[in-house]
Amino acid sequence: MGRYTQIPIRKKQKYKTVAGKRYYGTTKYPQIPLNFKDTYVITQIGDRFDILAQQYYGNPSYWWVISTANESLNQSSLYIKPGLQIRIPSQLGAVLSQFNALNGN
């Protein structure tokens, strides 16, 4: 499952010159509220969002959940600077439901 798997693919309908052309839609990510069951970890050398998602959720494609919950981190890389405390959201099912509702899935 790639990072674009859940992004909707749409077709342009309006203009004659681009009608029928496929494009990726915009993905919207939900706000992830704090929960007393959330896990907090101190990052180590080599930690990445996808590796942590595999470790905590059993699926590396949920990397965006950890990334979204930690907005202060560098969002342009999967790598996380060592020595930072980050939050691993505990309510994965609720986050995925909100994601699907926001994106029409």
N, C-alpha and C. Protein backbone atom coordinates (compact mmCIF):
# COMPACT_ATOMS: atom_id res chain seq x y z
N MET A 1 0.85 -1.17 0.00
CA MET A 1 0.00 0.00 0.00
C MET A 1 0.90 1.24 0.00
N GLY A 2 0.85 2.02 -1.06
CA GLY A 2 1.67 3.21 -1.18
C GLY A 2 1.03 4.42 -0.54
N ARG A 3 1.77 5.49 -0.50
CA ARG A 3 1.27 6.69 0.16
C ARG A 3 0.16 7.37 -0.64
N TYR A 4 -0.03 7.00 -1.90
CA TYR A 4 -1.08 7.62 -2.71
C TYR A 4 -2.30 6.71 -2.86
N THR A 5 -2.30 5.57 -2.21
CA THR A 5 -3.36 4.59 -2.37
C THR A 5 -4.74 5.15 -2.00
N GLN A 6 -4.81 5.92 -0.93
CA GLN A 6 -6.10 6.41 -0.47
C GLN A 6 -6.45 7.79 -1.00
N ILE A 7 -5.62 8.34 -1.85
CA ILE A 7 -5.93 9.64 -2.44
C ILE A 7 -6.87 9.42 -3.62
N PRO A 8 -7.99 10.12 -3.63
CA PRO A 8 -8.95 9.91 -4.72
C PRO A 8 -8.40 10.38 -6.06
N ILE A 9 -8.66 9.59 -7.10
CA ILE A 9 -8.29 9.99 -8.46
C ILE A 9 -9.57 10.48 -9.12
N ARG A 10 -9.51 11.66 -9.67
CA ARG A 10 -10.69 12.28 -10.27
C ARG A 10 -10.42 12.56 -11.73
N LYS A 11 -11.49 12.85 -12.45
CA LYS A 11 -11.37 13.25 -13.85
C LYS A 11 -11.95 14.64 -14.01
N LYS A 12 -11.26 15.45 -14.79
CA LYS A 12 -11.76 16.81 -15.07
C LYS A 12 -12.99 16.69 -15.96
N GLN A 13 -13.99 17.49 -15.69
CA GLN A 13 -15.23 17.44 -16.43
C GLN A 13 -15.48 18.69 -17.27
N LYS A 14 -14.92 19.81 -16.87
CA LYS A 14 -15.32 21.08 -17.47
C LYS A 14 -14.69 21.37 -18.82
N TYR A 15 -13.49 21.82 -18.86
CA TYR A 15 -12.90 22.41 -20.05
C TYR A 15 -12.59 21.36 -21.12
N LYS A 16 -12.88 21.68 -22.37
CA LYS A 16 -12.70 20.74 -23.47
C LYS A 16 -11.26 20.26 -23.60
N THR A 17 -10.30 21.16 -23.37
CA THR A 17 -8.90 20.79 -23.58
C THR A 17 -8.38 19.82 -22.53
N VAL A 18 -9.01 19.78 -21.35
CA VAL A 18 -8.53 18.89 -20.30
C VAL A 18 -9.60 17.90 -19.84
N ALA A 19 -10.74 17.88 -20.47
CA ALA A 19 -11.83 16.99 -20.05
C ALA A 19 -11.35 15.54 -20.09
N GLY A 20 -11.65 14.80 -19.07
CA GLY A 20 -11.28 13.40 -18.98
C GLY A 20 -9.89 13.15 -18.44
N LYS A 21 -9.10 14.18 -18.24
CA LYS A 21 -7.75 14.01 -17.71
C LYS A 21 -7.83 13.64 -16.23
N ARG A 22 -7.07 12.62 -15.85
CA ARG A 22 -7.08 12.17 -14.46
C ARG A 22 -6.08 12.97 -13.62
N TYR A 23 -6.42 13.18 -12.35
CA TYR A 23 -5.54 13.88 -11.44
C TYR A 23 -5.82 13.42 -10.01
N TYR A 24 -4.85 13.58 -9.14
CA TYR A 24 -5.05 13.25 -7.74
C TYR A 24 -5.77 14.40 -7.05
N GLY A 25 -6.74 14.06 -6.21
CA GLY A 25 -7.44 15.07 -5.44
C GLY A 25 -6.61 15.48 -4.22
N THR A 26 -7.04 16.49 -3.53
CA THR A 26 -6.37 16.95 -2.33
C THR A 26 -6.76 16.07 -1.15
N THR A 27 -5.80 15.66 -0.38
CA THR A 27 -6.06 14.84 0.80
C THR A 27 -6.17 15.76 2.01
N LYS A 28 -7.20 15.53 2.81
CA LYS A 28 -7.40 16.30 4.04
C LYS A 28 -7.12 15.38 5.22
N TYR A 29 -6.38 15.88 6.18
CA TYR A 29 -6.04 15.10 7.36
C TYR A 29 -6.78 15.63 8.57
N PRO A 30 -7.29 14.73 9.42
CA PRO A 30 -8.08 15.17 10.59
C PRO A 30 -7.19 15.72 11.70
N GLN A 31 -7.79 16.53 12.55
CA GLN A 31 -7.14 16.94 13.78
C GLN A 31 -7.14 15.71 14.69
N ILE A 32 -6.04 15.47 15.37
CA ILE A 32 -5.95 14.29 16.24
C ILE A 32 -5.85 14.79 17.68
N PRO A 33 -6.96 14.71 18.42
CA PRO A 33 -6.96 15.22 19.78
C PRO A 33 -6.11 14.37 20.72
N LEU A 34 -5.64 14.99 21.79
CA LEU A 34 -4.89 14.27 22.81
C LEU A 34 -5.81 13.25 23.48
N ASN A 35 -5.23 12.14 23.90
CA ASN A 35 -5.98 11.11 24.60
C ASN A 35 -5.07 10.57 25.70
N PHE A 36 -5.64 10.29 26.86
CA PHE A 36 -4.81 9.81 27.97
C PHE A 36 -4.19 8.44 27.68
N LYS A 37 -4.67 7.74 26.66
CA LYS A 37 -4.11 6.44 26.29
C LYS A 37 -2.98 6.56 25.25
N ASP A 38 -2.70 7.77 24.77
CA ASP A 38 -1.63 7.97 23.79
C ASP A 38 -0.30 7.51 24.39
N THR A 39 0.59 7.06 23.51
CA THR A 39 1.92 6.63 23.91
C THR A 39 2.90 7.74 23.55
N TYR A 40 3.86 7.97 24.43
CA TYR A 40 4.91 8.96 24.18
C TYR A 40 6.25 8.23 24.16
N VAL A 41 7.04 8.50 23.14
CA VAL A 41 8.35 7.87 23.01
C VAL A 41 9.41 8.93 22.76
N ILE A 42 10.63 8.61 23.14
CA ILE A 42 11.79 9.44 22.83
C ILE A 42 12.43 8.82 21.59
N THR A 43 12.57 9.62 20.55
CA THR A 43 13.10 9.09 19.29
C THR A 43 14.58 8.76 19.39
N GLN A 44 14.98 7.79 18.59
CA GLN A 44 16.36 7.34 18.54
C GLN A 44 16.88 7.50 17.12
N ILE A 45 18.18 7.36 16.96
CA ILE A 45 18.78 7.43 15.62
C ILE A 45 18.13 6.38 14.72
N GLY A 46 17.71 6.80 13.55
CA GLY A 46 17.10 5.89 12.58
C GLY A 46 15.60 5.80 12.66
N ASP A 47 14.97 6.42 13.67
CA ASP A 47 13.51 6.39 13.75
C ASP A 47 12.91 7.14 12.58
N ARG A 48 11.86 6.56 12.03
CA ARG A 48 11.11 7.17 10.92
C ARG A 48 9.64 6.98 11.21
N PHE A 49 8.82 7.86 10.62
CA PHE A 49 7.38 7.77 10.82
C PHE A 49 6.84 6.41 10.38
N ASP A 50 7.29 5.90 9.25
CA ASP A 50 6.76 4.63 8.74
C ASP A 50 7.19 3.44 9.59
N ILE A 51 8.40 3.47 10.12
CA ILE A 51 8.86 2.38 10.98
C ILE A 51 8.08 2.38 12.30
N LEU A 52 7.86 3.56 12.86
CA LEU A 52 7.07 3.65 14.08
C LEU A 52 5.62 3.22 13.84
N ALA A 53 5.07 3.56 12.68
CA ALA A 53 3.71 3.14 12.36
C ALA A 53 3.63 1.61 12.26
N GLN A 54 4.63 1.00 11.67
CA GLN A 54 4.67 -0.47 11.61
C GLN A 54 4.74 -1.05 13.01
N GLN A 55 5.57 -0.46 13.85
CA GLN A 55 5.77 -0.96 15.21
C GLN A 55 4.50 -0.83 16.06
N TYR A 56 3.82 0.31 15.97
CA TYR A 56 2.68 0.56 16.85
C TYR A 56 1.33 0.20 16.24
N TYR A 57 1.21 0.26 14.91
CA TYR A 57 -0.07 -0.01 14.26
C TYR A 57 -0.06 -1.26 13.39
N GLY A 58 1.12 -1.81 13.14
CA GLY A 58 1.22 -2.98 12.29
C GLY A 58 1.11 -2.68 10.81
N ASN A 59 1.23 -1.39 10.44
CA ASN A 59 1.10 -0.99 9.04
C ASN A 59 1.88 0.30 8.80
N PRO A 60 2.93 0.25 7.98
CA PRO A 60 3.74 1.45 7.77
C PRO A 60 3.02 2.56 7.01
N SER A 61 1.93 2.24 6.32
CA SER A 61 1.22 3.28 5.56
C SER A 61 0.45 4.24 6.47
N TYR A 62 0.39 3.96 7.75
CA TYR A 62 -0.25 4.89 8.70
C TYR A 62 0.76 5.88 9.28
N TRP A 63 1.89 6.06 8.60
CA TRP A 63 2.92 7.01 9.03
C TRP A 63 2.33 8.40 9.22
N TRP A 64 1.36 8.76 8.39
CA TRP A 64 0.79 10.10 8.42
C TRP A 64 0.05 10.38 9.73
N VAL A 65 -0.43 9.34 10.41
CA VAL A 65 -1.13 9.54 11.69
C VAL A 65 -0.14 10.10 12.72
N ILE A 66 1.03 9.50 12.80
CA ILE A 66 2.05 9.96 13.75
C ILE A 66 2.56 11.34 13.33
N SER A 67 2.78 11.53 12.05
CA SER A 67 3.25 12.82 11.55
C SER A 67 2.25 13.93 11.85
N THR A 68 0.97 13.67 11.57
CA THR A 68 -0.08 14.68 11.81
C THR A 68 -0.22 15.00 13.29
N ALA A 69 -0.06 14.02 14.15
CA ALA A 69 -0.19 14.23 15.59
C ALA A 69 0.98 15.04 16.16
N ASN A 70 2.06 15.12 15.41
CA ASN A 70 3.27 15.83 15.87
C ASN A 70 3.62 16.93 14.88
N GLU A 71 2.77 17.93 14.79
CA GLU A 71 2.89 18.99 13.79
C GLU A 71 4.19 19.77 13.88
N SER A 72 4.81 19.80 15.05
CA SER A 72 6.03 20.59 15.21
C SER A 72 7.25 19.93 14.57
N LEU A 73 7.12 18.67 14.16
CA LEU A 73 8.24 17.97 13.53
C LEU A 73 8.33 18.33 12.05
N ASN A 74 9.50 18.06 11.47
CA ASN A 74 9.73 18.30 10.04
C ASN A 74 8.78 17.41 9.24
N GLN A 75 7.84 18.01 8.54
CA GLN A 75 6.84 17.26 7.79
C GLN A 75 7.30 16.89 6.38
N SER A 76 8.49 17.31 6.00
CA SER A 76 8.96 17.03 4.65
C SER A 76 9.87 15.81 4.59
N SER A 77 9.96 15.06 5.68
CA SER A 77 10.82 13.89 5.73
C SER A 77 10.19 12.81 6.58
N LEU A 78 10.46 11.55 6.26
CA LEU A 78 10.01 10.45 7.09
C LEU A 78 10.89 10.30 8.33
N TYR A 79 12.12 10.83 8.26
CA TYR A 79 13.06 10.71 9.37
C TYR A 79 12.72 11.69 10.48
N ILE A 80 12.97 11.26 11.71
CA ILE A 80 12.70 12.09 12.89
C ILE A 80 14.02 12.30 13.63
N LYS A 81 14.28 13.53 14.01
CA LYS A 81 15.50 13.86 14.74
C LYS A 81 15.53 13.07 16.05
N PRO A 82 16.67 12.46 16.39
CA PRO A 82 16.77 11.69 17.64
C PRO A 82 16.67 12.59 18.88
N GLY A 83 16.14 12.03 19.96
CA GLY A 83 16.07 12.73 21.24
C GLY A 83 14.81 13.54 21.46
N LEU A 84 13.86 13.48 20.53
CA LEU A 84 12.62 14.22 20.67
C LEU A 84 11.53 13.34 21.27
N GLN A 85 10.68 13.94 22.08
CA GLN A 85 9.52 13.20 22.58
C GLN A 85 8.39 13.39 21.58
N ILE A 86 7.82 12.29 21.10
CA ILE A 86 6.71 12.37 20.16
C ILE A 86 5.53 11.55 20.68
N ARG A 87 4.39 11.89 20.16
CA ARG A 87 3.14 11.24 20.58
C ARG A 87 2.71 10.23 19.52
N ILE A 88 2.35 9.03 19.96
CA ILE A 88 1.77 8.01 19.10
C ILE A 88 0.30 7.91 19.48
N PRO A 89 -0.62 8.41 18.63
CA PRO A 89 -2.04 8.39 18.97
C PRO A 89 -2.55 6.96 19.19
N SER A 90 -3.40 6.81 20.20
CA SER A 90 -3.91 5.48 20.55
C SER A 90 -5.20 5.13 19.81
N GLN A 91 -5.95 6.10 19.38
CA GLN A 91 -7.27 5.86 18.78
C GLN A 91 -7.19 5.78 17.26
N LEU A 92 -6.45 4.81 16.73
CA LEU A 92 -6.24 4.70 15.30
C LEU A 92 -7.55 4.55 14.53
N GLY A 93 -8.46 3.73 15.02
CA GLY A 93 -9.74 3.53 14.34
C GLY A 93 -10.52 4.82 14.17
N ALA A 94 -10.56 5.63 15.20
CA ALA A 94 -11.28 6.91 15.14
C ALA A 94 -10.60 7.86 14.16
N VAL A 95 -9.27 7.88 14.16
CA VAL A 95 -8.53 8.75 13.24
C VAL A 95 -8.80 8.34 11.80
N LEU A 96 -8.78 7.03 11.52
CA LEU A 96 -9.04 6.55 10.16
C LEU A 96 -10.47 6.83 9.73
N SER A 97 -11.42 6.73 10.64
CA SER A 97 -12.82 7.07 10.32
C SER A 97 -12.96 8.53 9.95
N GLN A 98 -12.30 9.41 10.72
CA GLN A 98 -12.34 10.84 10.41
C GLN A 98 -11.68 11.13 9.07
N PHE A 99 -10.55 10.46 8.80
CA PHE A 99 -9.85 10.63 7.54
C PHE A 99 -10.77 10.24 6.37
N ASN A 100 -11.42 9.09 6.49
CA ASN A 100 -12.32 8.63 5.43
C ASN A 100 -13.50 9.58 5.24
N ALA A 101 -14.04 10.10 6.33
CA ALA A 101 -15.17 11.03 6.22
C ALA A 101 -14.74 12.34 5.53
N LEU A 102 -13.55 12.83 5.87
CA LEU A 102 -13.05 14.07 5.27
C LEU A 102 -12.77 13.93 3.77
N ASN A 103 -12.38 12.73 3.36
CA ASN A 103 -11.95 12.51 1.99
C ASN A 103 -12.96 11.74 1.15
N GLY A 104 -14.16 11.56 1.67
CA GLY A 104 -15.22 10.93 0.89
C GLY A 104 -14.99 9.47 0.59
N ASN A 105 -14.27 8.77 1.46
CA ASN A 105 -14.02 7.34 1.24
C ASN A 105 -15.07 6.50 1.94
